[in-house]
Amino acid sequence: MKAVLVVDDNTAVRMVLTDFLTMAYPTARVLQAENGADGLALAQAEHPDVVLMDAEMPVLDGFSAAQQLRQSDATKSIPIIAISSGASNNELVSGLRSLADGSLPKPFTADELFQTMAGVMSKRHVVLS
């Protein structure tokens, strides 16, 4: 079964992403984590097909979580899409974007999400539906 992991500390963002993804990919599972540590654990356990990762989160930030995903043989090939505030350009955001396969500035539309995902998934030969 195909799966997408959404990692963001903002509940509203997680819910919007889940709604968008569920409508577009009804057969895919949408997994959620509210911080980088939980996202890392879920990615290691579930091996999702794509990870949507926020940069600035409590417990473990998105950049550190992405570094650990990229260092593990089991998870290094999972595509990561960085999601962050368009106004943010700090070291965490820049670091996450450097490790990610694509990036999506907040706020975003469903079309922007799907265009970004389509580009990343086609490069990585990932099919969700």
C-alpha atoms as a PDB file:
ATOM      1  CA  MET A   1       0.000   0.000   0.000  1.00  0.00           C
ATOM      2  CA  LYS A   2       1.258   3.477  -0.853  1.00  0.00           C
ATOM      3  CA  ALA A   3       1.808   6.044   1.904  1.00  0.00           C
ATOM      4  CA  VAL A   4       2.608   9.730   2.364  1.00  0.00           C
ATOM      5  CA  LEU A   5       4.061  11.025   5.633  1.00  0.00           C
ATOM      6  CA  VAL A   6       3.134  14.575   6.689  1.00  0.00           C
ATOM      7  CA  VAL A   7       5.443  16.024   9.371  1.00  0.00           C
ATOM      8  CA  ASP A   8       4.384  19.442  10.695  1.00  0.00           C
ATOM      9  CA  ASP A   9       3.812  20.812  14.192  1.00  0.00           C
ATOM     10  CA  ASN A  10       0.810  22.841  13.007  1.00  0.00           C
ATOM     11  CA  THR A  11      -2.342  20.723  13.325  1.00  0.00           C
ATOM     12  CA  ALA A  12      -4.232  22.821  10.757  1.00  0.00           C
ATOM     13  CA  VAL A  13      -1.482  22.339   8.153  1.00  0.00           C
ATOM     14  CA  ARG A  14      -1.438  18.579   8.790  1.00  0.00           C
ATOM     15  CA  MET A  15      -5.210  18.411   8.396  1.00  0.00           C
ATOM     16  CA  VAL A  16      -5.258  20.473   5.172  1.00  0.00           C
ATOM     17  CA  LEU A  17      -2.474  18.355   3.674  1.00  0.00           C
ATOM     18  CA  THR A  18      -4.262  15.173   4.733  1.00  0.00           C
ATOM     19  CA  ASP A  19      -7.508  16.373   3.138  1.00  0.00           C
ATOM     20  CA  PHE A  20      -5.745  17.337  -0.115  1.00  0.00           C
ATOM     21  CA  LEU A  21      -3.845  14.048  -0.266  1.00  0.00           C
ATOM     22  CA  THR A  22      -6.863  11.889   0.582  1.00  0.00           C
ATOM     23  CA  MET A  23      -8.894  13.491  -2.196  1.00  0.00           C
ATOM     24  CA  ALA A  24      -6.117  13.132  -4.779  1.00  0.00           C
ATOM     25  CA  TYR A  25      -4.847   9.690  -3.743  1.00  0.00           C
ATOM     26  CA  PRO A  26      -7.812   7.839  -2.175  1.00  0.00           C
ATOM     27  CA  THR A  27      -5.955   4.524  -1.965  1.00  0.00           C
ATOM     28  CA  ALA A  28      -2.854   5.971  -0.277  1.00  0.00           C
ATOM     29  CA  ARG A  29      -2.409   6.071   3.483  1.00  0.00           C
ATOM     30  CA  VAL A  30      -1.628   9.484   4.945  1.00  0.00           C
ATOM     31  CA  LEU A  31       0.537   9.245   8.053  1.00  0.00           C
ATOM     32  CA  GLN A  32       0.977  12.227  10.372  1.00  0.00           C
ATOM     33  CA  ALA A  33       3.622  13.348  12.851  1.00  0.00           C
ATOM     34  CA  GLU A  34       3.727  16.583  14.831  1.00  0.00           C
ATOM     35  CA  ASN A  35       7.503  16.819  15.242  1.00  0.00           C
ATOM     36  CA  GLY A  36      10.681  15.634  13.598  1.00  0.00           C
ATOM     37  CA  ALA A  37      11.348  12.869  16.115  1.00  0.00           C
ATOM     38  CA  ASP A  38       7.932  11.288  15.583  1.00  0.00           C
ATOM     39  CA  GLY A  39       8.277  11.781  11.823  1.00  0.00           C
ATOM     40  CA  LEU A  40      11.666  10.086  11.805  1.00  0.00           C
ATOM     41  CA  ALA A  41      10.315   7.135  13.794  1.00  0.00           C
ATOM     42  CA  LEU A  42       7.295   6.789  11.477  1.00  0.00           C
ATOM     43  CA  ALA A  43       9.466   7.004   8.361  1.00  0.00           C
ATOM     44  CA  GLN A  44      11.780   4.307   9.703  1.00  0.00           C
ATOM     45  CA  ALA A  45       8.858   2.048  10.637  1.00  0.00           C
ATOM     46  CA  GLU A  46       6.526   2.631   7.676  1.00  0.00           C
ATOM     47  CA  HIS A  47       8.868   3.526   4.757  1.00  0.00           C
ATOM     48  CA  PRO A  48       6.463   6.023   3.139  1.00  0.00           C
ATOM     49  CA  ASP A  49       6.702   6.783  -0.561  1.00  0.00           C
ATOM     50  CA  VAL A  50       6.992  10.547   0.036  1.00  0.00           C
ATOM     51  CA  VAL A  51       7.628  12.729   3.120  1.00  0.00           C
ATOM     52  CA  LEU A  52       6.278  16.281   3.402  1.00  0.00           C
ATOM     53  CA  MET A  53       8.470  17.887   6.102  1.00  0.00           C
ATOM     54  CA  ASP A  54       8.223  21.234   7.880  1.00  0.00           C
ATOM     55  CA  ALA A  55      11.528  22.845   8.870  1.00  0.00           C
ATOM     56  CA  GLU A  56      10.789  24.453  12.224  1.00  0.00           C
ATOM     57  CA  MET A  57       9.310  22.017  14.750  1.00  0.00           C
ATOM     58  CA  PRO A  58       9.758  21.128  18.413  1.00  0.00           C
ATOM     59  CA  VAL A  59      11.670  18.090  19.714  1.00  0.00           C
ATOM     60  CA  LEU A  60      13.581  17.570  16.434  1.00  0.00           C
ATOM     61  CA  ASP A  61      13.554  20.091  13.586  1.00  0.00           C
ATOM     62  CA  GLY A  62      12.933  19.096   9.977  1.00  0.00           C
ATOM     63  CA  PHE A  63      16.538  19.652   8.900  1.00  0.00           C
ATOM     64  CA  SER A  64      17.884  17.290  11.583  1.00  0.00           C
ATOM     65  CA  ALA A  65      15.181  14.714  10.821  1.00  0.00           C
ATOM     66  CA  ALA A  66      15.982  14.889   7.089  1.00  0.00           C
ATOM     67  CA  GLN A  67      19.705  14.481   7.825  1.00  0.00           C
ATOM     68  CA  GLN A  68      18.971  11.295   9.754  1.00  0.00           C
ATOM     69  CA  LEU A  69      16.668   9.995   7.012  1.00  0.00           C
ATOM     70  CA  ARG A  70      19.391  10.600   4.412  1.00  0.00           C
ATOM     71  CA  GLN A  71      22.043   8.844   6.546  1.00  0.00           C
ATOM     72  CA  SER A  72      20.061   5.619   6.921  1.00  0.00           C
ATOM     73  CA  ASP A  73      20.259   3.007   4.163  1.00  0.00           C
ATOM     74  CA  ALA A  74      16.611   2.111   4.841  1.00  0.00           C
ATOM     75  CA  THR A  75      15.274   5.652   4.330  1.00  0.00           C
ATOM     76  CA  LYS A  76      17.829   7.586   2.275  1.00  0.00           C
ATOM     77  CA  SER A  77      15.951   7.135  -0.998  1.00  0.00           C
ATOM     78  CA  ILE A  78      12.557   8.334   0.304  1.00  0.00           C
ATOM     79  CA  PRO A  79      11.697  11.613  -1.477  1.00  0.00           C
ATOM     80  CA  ILE A  80      11.383  14.595   0.875  1.00  0.00           C
ATOM     81  CA  ILE A  81       9.453  17.766   0.103  1.00  0.00           C
ATOM     82  CA  ALA A  82      10.342  20.697   2.366  1.00  0.00           C
ATOM     83  CA  ILE A  83       7.345  22.754   3.460  1.00  0.00           C
ATOM     84  CA  SER A  84       8.076  26.043   5.188  1.00  0.00           C
ATOM     85  CA  SER A  85       6.946  29.604   5.554  1.00  0.00           C
ATOM     86  CA  GLY A  86       7.789  31.503   2.401  1.00  0.00           C
ATOM     87  CA  ALA A  87       9.184  34.321   4.551  1.00  0.00           C
ATOM     88  CA  SER A  88      11.529  31.997   6.446  1.00  0.00           C
ATOM     89  CA  ASN A  89      15.044  31.765   5.165  1.00  0.00           C
ATOM     90  CA  ASN A  90      16.979  30.697   8.227  1.00  0.00           C
ATOM     91  CA  GLU A  91      19.553  27.922   8.539  1.00  0.00           C
ATOM     92  CA  LEU A  92      16.963  25.231   9.337  1.00  0.00           C
ATOM     93  CA  VAL A  93      14.890  26.062   6.265  1.00  0.00           C
ATOM     94  CA  SER A  94      17.949  26.349   4.015  1.00  0.00           C
ATOM     95  CA  GLY A  95      19.360  23.100   5.382  1.00  0.00           C
ATOM     96  CA  LEU A  96      16.124  21.185   4.883  1.00  0.00           C
ATOM     97  CA  ARG A  97      15.736  22.533   1.349  1.00  0.00           C
ATOM     98  CA  SER A  98      19.295  21.424   0.539  1.00  0.00           C
ATOM     99  CA  LEU A  99      18.434  17.828   1.503  1.00  0.00           C
ATOM    100  CA  ALA A 100      14.946  17.816  -0.011  1.00  0.00           C
ATOM    101  CA  ASP A 101      13.903  16.732  -3.479  1.00  0.00           C
ATOM    102  CA  GLY A 102      11.512  19.676  -3.726  1.00  0.00           C
ATOM    103  CA  SER A 103      10.154  22.546  -1.662  1.00  0.00           C
ATOM    104  CA  LEU A 104       6.771  24.109  -1.104  1.00  0.00           C
ATOM    105  CA  PRO A 105       6.395  27.537   0.542  1.00  0.00           C
ATOM    106  CA  LYS A 106       3.492  28.129   2.938  1.00  0.00           C
ATOM    107  CA  PRO A 107       0.814  29.137   2.238  1.00  0.00           C
ATOM    108  CA  PHE A 108       0.233  26.870  -0.742  1.00  0.00           C
ATOM    109  CA  THR A 109      -2.702  25.755  -2.846  1.00  0.00           C
ATOM    110  CA  ALA A 110      -3.712  22.202  -3.667  1.00  0.00           C
ATOM    111  CA  ASP A 111      -2.474  22.771  -7.230  1.00  0.00           C
ATOM    112  CA  GLU A 112       0.949  23.902  -5.978  1.00  0.00           C
ATOM    113  CA  LEU A 113       1.157  20.854  -3.703  1.00  0.00           C
ATOM    114  CA  PHE A 114       0.295  18.441  -6.500  1.00  0.00           C
ATOM    115  CA  GLN A 115       2.616  20.114  -9.020  1.00  0.00           C
ATOM    116  CA  THR A 116       5.506  19.874  -6.560  1.00  0.00           C
ATOM    117  CA  MET A 117       4.667  16.277  -5.689  1.00  0.00           C
ATOM    118  CA  ALA A 118       4.311  15.306  -9.359  1.00  0.00           C
ATOM    119  CA  GLY A 119       7.732  16.728 -10.171  1.00  0.00           C
ATOM    120  CA  VAL A 120       9.414  14.975  -7.251  1.00  0.00           C
ATOM    121  CA  MET A 121       7.611  11.681  -7.780  1.00  0.00           C
ATOM    122  CA  SER A 122       8.381  11.568 -11.504  1.00  0.00           C
ATOM    123  CA  LYS A 123      12.100  12.148 -10.840  1.00  0.00           C
ATOM    124  CA  ARG A 124      12.079   9.372  -8.242  1.00  0.00           C
ATOM    125  CA  HIS A 125       9.705   7.084 -10.205  1.00  0.00           C
ATOM    126  CA  VAL A 126       7.129   7.029  -7.389  1.00  0.00           C
ATOM    127  CA  VAL A 127       3.472   6.258  -8.132  1.00  0.00           C
ATOM    128  CA  LEU A 128       0.824   6.791  -5.450  1.00  0.00           C
ATOM    129  CA  SER A 129      -2.358   5.827  -7.282  1.00  0.00           C
END
